């Protein structure tokens, strides 16, 4: 976010910028739930406080002032989107490791360094 928004700290602002939400208008167009989903789909792991903070920014109130009913609605909307299109799990840090045992009499000639010029 280039403009300072209520409830949005530097880390949250950086996440929003990285998912293409750079202005208050961008946030208003997609809504708090849509922005939260984009951040989650980008691989970040925000808590629900970000969702409430985004809604508070749109409503111009402190996120803790959001009524419990509104918070429940926001979470339900988020869960409905994720149920329809689940978040992809992060791939493993590396692929599976396979061990190949080569017996001495079956070694590939390319591994034999004795015949190099």
C-alpha atoms as a PDB file:
ATOM      1  CA  UNK A   1       0.000   0.000   0.000  1.00  0.00           C
ATOM      2  CA  UNK A   2       1.415   3.308  -0.943  1.00  0.00           C
ATOM      3  CA  UNK A   3      -1.082   5.285   1.155  1.00  0.00           C
ATOM      4  CA  UNK A   4      -1.146   4.842   4.908  1.00  0.00           C
ATOM      5  CA  UNK A   5      -4.261   2.961   5.966  1.00  0.00           C
ATOM      6  CA  UNK A   6      -5.592   2.510   9.444  1.00  0.00           C
ATOM      7  CA  UNK A   7      -4.661  -0.881  10.992  1.00  0.00           C
ATOM      8  CA  UNK A   8      -2.149  -1.702   8.233  1.00  0.00           C
ATOM      9  CA  UNK A   9       1.436  -1.946   9.459  1.00  0.00           C
ATOM     10  CA  UNK A  10       4.592  -2.226   7.379  1.00  0.00           C
ATOM     11  CA  UNK A  11       4.545  -6.038   7.113  1.00  0.00           C
ATOM     12  CA  UNK A  12       0.885  -6.154   6.066  1.00  0.00           C
ATOM     13  CA  UNK A  13       1.448  -3.313   3.617  1.00  0.00           C
ATOM     14  CA  UNK A  14       4.373  -5.203   2.076  1.00  0.00           C
ATOM     15  CA  UNK A  15       2.230  -8.339   1.681  1.00  0.00           C
ATOM     16  CA  UNK A  16      -0.519  -6.311   0.013  1.00  0.00           C
ATOM     17  CA  UNK A  17       1.942  -4.680  -2.385  1.00  0.00           C
ATOM     18  CA  UNK A  18       3.395  -8.074  -3.274  1.00  0.00           C
ATOM     19  CA  UNK A  19      -0.051  -9.356  -4.290  1.00  0.00           C
ATOM     20  CA  UNK A  20      -0.746  -6.267  -6.409  1.00  0.00           C
ATOM     21  CA  UNK A  21      -2.847  -4.229  -3.982  1.00  0.00           C
ATOM     22  CA  UNK A  22      -1.134  -0.871  -3.913  1.00  0.00           C
ATOM     23  CA  UNK A  23      -3.851   1.687  -3.191  1.00  0.00           C
ATOM     24  CA  UNK A  24      -6.867   2.038  -0.923  1.00  0.00           C
ATOM     25  CA  UNK A  25      -8.960   1.820  -4.094  1.00  0.00           C
ATOM     26  CA  UNK A  26      -7.394  -1.557  -4.942  1.00  0.00           C
ATOM     27  CA  UNK A  27      -8.340  -2.810  -1.482  1.00  0.00           C
ATOM     28  CA  UNK A  28     -11.868  -1.409  -1.715  1.00  0.00           C
ATOM     29  CA  UNK A  29     -12.381  -3.041  -5.119  1.00  0.00           C
ATOM     30  CA  UNK A  30     -11.450  -6.534  -3.922  1.00  0.00           C
ATOM     31  CA  UNK A  31     -12.670  -6.243  -0.333  1.00  0.00           C
ATOM     32  CA  UNK A  32     -11.122  -7.467   2.900  1.00  0.00           C
ATOM     33  CA  UNK A  33     -11.848 -11.146   2.274  1.00  0.00           C
ATOM     34  CA  UNK A  34     -10.552 -11.034  -1.310  1.00  0.00           C
ATOM     35  CA  UNK A  35      -7.357  -9.316  -0.196  1.00  0.00           C
ATOM     36  CA  UNK A  36      -6.869 -11.811   2.634  1.00  0.00           C
ATOM     37  CA  UNK A  37      -7.315 -14.708   0.206  1.00  0.00           C
ATOM     38  CA  UNK A  38      -4.749 -13.199  -2.194  1.00  0.00           C
ATOM     39  CA  UNK A  39      -2.234 -12.860   0.622  1.00  0.00           C
ATOM     40  CA  UNK A  40      -2.813 -16.468   1.715  1.00  0.00           C
ATOM     41  CA  UNK A  41      -2.605 -17.781  -1.865  1.00  0.00           C
ATOM     42  CA  UNK A  42       0.714 -15.950  -2.278  1.00  0.00           C
ATOM     43  CA  UNK A  43       2.125 -18.204   0.435  1.00  0.00           C
ATOM     44  CA  UNK A  44       2.111 -15.799   3.347  1.00  0.00           C
ATOM     45  CA  UNK A  45       0.646 -17.011   6.630  1.00  0.00           C
ATOM     46  CA  UNK A  46      -1.272 -14.113   8.167  1.00  0.00           C
ATOM     47  CA  UNK A  47      -3.513 -14.561  11.171  1.00  0.00           C
ATOM     48  CA  UNK A  48      -7.172 -13.632  11.111  1.00  0.00           C
ATOM     49  CA  UNK A  49      -6.146 -10.305  12.605  1.00  0.00           C
ATOM     50  CA  UNK A  50      -5.079  -9.255   9.098  1.00  0.00           C
ATOM     51  CA  UNK A  51      -8.578 -10.018   7.829  1.00  0.00           C
ATOM     52  CA  UNK A  52     -10.096  -7.924  10.614  1.00  0.00           C
ATOM     53  CA  UNK A  53      -7.519  -5.167  10.059  1.00  0.00           C
ATOM     54  CA  UNK A  54      -8.351  -4.995   6.356  1.00  0.00           C
ATOM     55  CA  UNK A  55     -12.061  -4.706   7.128  1.00  0.00           C
ATOM     56  CA  UNK A  56     -11.317  -2.077   9.760  1.00  0.00           C
ATOM     57  CA  UNK A  57      -9.278  -0.138   7.203  1.00  0.00           C
ATOM     58  CA  UNK A  58     -12.222  -0.213   4.800  1.00  0.00           C
ATOM     59  CA  UNK A  59     -14.653   0.820   7.542  1.00  0.00           C
ATOM     60  CA  UNK A  60     -12.206   3.415   8.937  1.00  0.00           C
ATOM     61  CA  UNK A  61     -12.301   1.936  12.436  1.00  0.00           C
ATOM     62  CA  UNK A  62      -9.892   0.081  14.666  1.00  0.00           C
ATOM     63  CA  UNK A  63     -10.040  -3.631  13.889  1.00  0.00           C
ATOM     64  CA  UNK A  64     -10.959  -4.434  17.497  1.00  0.00           C
ATOM     65  CA  UNK A  65     -14.082  -2.283  17.109  1.00  0.00           C
ATOM     66  CA  UNK A  66     -15.531  -4.624  14.480  1.00  0.00           C
ATOM     67  CA  UNK A  67     -18.637  -6.307  15.882  1.00  0.00           C
ATOM     68  CA  UNK A  68     -18.304 -10.026  16.590  1.00  0.00           C
ATOM     69  CA  UNK A  69     -21.072 -10.747  14.082  1.00  0.00           C
ATOM     70  CA  UNK A  70     -19.083  -8.993  11.327  1.00  0.00           C
ATOM     71  CA  UNK A  71     -15.938 -10.931  12.236  1.00  0.00           C
ATOM     72  CA  UNK A  72     -17.874 -14.183  12.064  1.00  0.00           C
ATOM     73  CA  UNK A  73     -19.260 -13.217   8.656  1.00  0.00           C
ATOM     74  CA  UNK A  74     -15.782 -12.379   7.340  1.00  0.00           C
ATOM     75  CA  UNK A  75     -14.393 -15.732   8.487  1.00  0.00           C
ATOM     76  CA  UNK A  76     -17.373 -17.574   6.967  1.00  0.00           C
ATOM     77  CA  UNK A  77     -16.839 -15.798   3.627  1.00  0.00           C
ATOM     78  CA  UNK A  78     -13.145 -16.693   3.696  1.00  0.00           C
ATOM     79  CA  UNK A  79     -13.858 -20.331   4.550  1.00  0.00           C
ATOM     80  CA  UNK A  80     -16.442 -20.561   1.749  1.00  0.00           C
ATOM     81  CA  UNK A  81     -13.892 -19.340  -0.806  1.00  0.00           C
ATOM     82  CA  UNK A  82     -11.237 -21.757   0.471  1.00  0.00           C
ATOM     83  CA  UNK A  83     -13.712 -24.648   0.491  1.00  0.00           C
ATOM     84  CA  UNK A  84     -14.520 -23.945  -3.168  1.00  0.00           C
ATOM     85  CA  UNK A  85     -10.880 -23.461  -4.204  1.00  0.00           C
ATOM     86  CA  UNK A  86      -8.541 -24.850  -1.515  1.00  0.00           C
ATOM     87  CA  UNK A  87      -5.150 -23.323  -0.905  1.00  0.00           C
ATOM     88  CA  UNK A  88      -2.381 -25.271  -2.571  1.00  0.00           C
ATOM     89  CA  UNK A  89       0.034 -26.895  -0.207  1.00  0.00           C
ATOM     90  CA  UNK A  90       3.595 -25.723  -0.499  1.00  0.00           C
ATOM     91  CA  UNK A  91       5.780 -28.188  -2.384  1.00  0.00           C
ATOM     92  CA  UNK A  92       8.436 -29.993  -0.360  1.00  0.00           C
ATOM     93  CA  UNK A  93      11.754 -28.234  -0.023  1.00  0.00           C
ATOM     94  CA  UNK A  94      13.296 -30.851  -2.287  1.00  0.00           C
ATOM     95  CA  UNK A  95      12.082 -33.818  -4.261  1.00  0.00           C
ATOM     96  CA  UNK A  96      12.337 -37.375  -3.065  1.00  0.00           C
ATOM     97  CA  UNK A  97      15.809 -38.752  -2.589  1.00  0.00           C
ATOM     98  CA  UNK A  98      16.625 -42.022  -4.329  1.00  0.00           C
ATOM     99  CA  UNK A  99      19.676 -44.070  -3.570  1.00  0.00           C
ATOM    100  CA  UNK A 100      21.312 -45.982  -6.379  1.00  0.00           C
ATOM    101  CA  UNK A 101      23.661 -48.772  -5.456  1.00  0.00           C
ATOM    102  CA  UNK A 102      26.181 -49.643  -8.142  1.00  0.00           C
ATOM    103  CA  UNK A 103      28.234 -52.755  -7.755  1.00  0.00           C
ATOM    104  CA  UNK A 104      31.861 -52.507  -8.799  1.00  0.00           C
ATOM    105  CA  UNK A 105      31.645 -54.874 -11.763  1.00  0.00           C
ATOM    106  CA  UNK A 106      28.605 -52.971 -13.145  1.00  0.00           C
ATOM    107  CA  UNK A 107      30.048 -49.462 -12.909  1.00  0.00           C
ATOM    108  CA  UNK A 108      29.512 -47.230 -15.894  1.00  0.00           C
ATOM    109  CA  UNK A 109      32.723 -46.583 -17.836  1.00  0.00           C
ATOM    110  CA  UNK A 110      32.053 -42.844 -17.627  1.00  0.00           C
ATOM    111  CA  UNK A 111      32.787 -43.032 -13.907  1.00  0.00           C
ATOM    112  CA  UNK A 112      36.152 -44.656 -14.491  1.00  0.00           C
ATOM    113  CA  UNK A 113      38.728 -41.858 -14.312  1.00  0.00           C
ATOM    114  CA  UNK A 114      41.762 -44.076 -15.093  1.00  0.00           C
ATOM    115  CA  UNK A 115      41.329 -43.790 -18.854  1.00  0.00           C
ATOM    116  CA  UNK A 116      41.289 -39.976 -18.994  1.00  0.00           C
ATOM    117  CA  UNK A 117      44.069 -38.387 -21.127  1.00  0.00           C
END
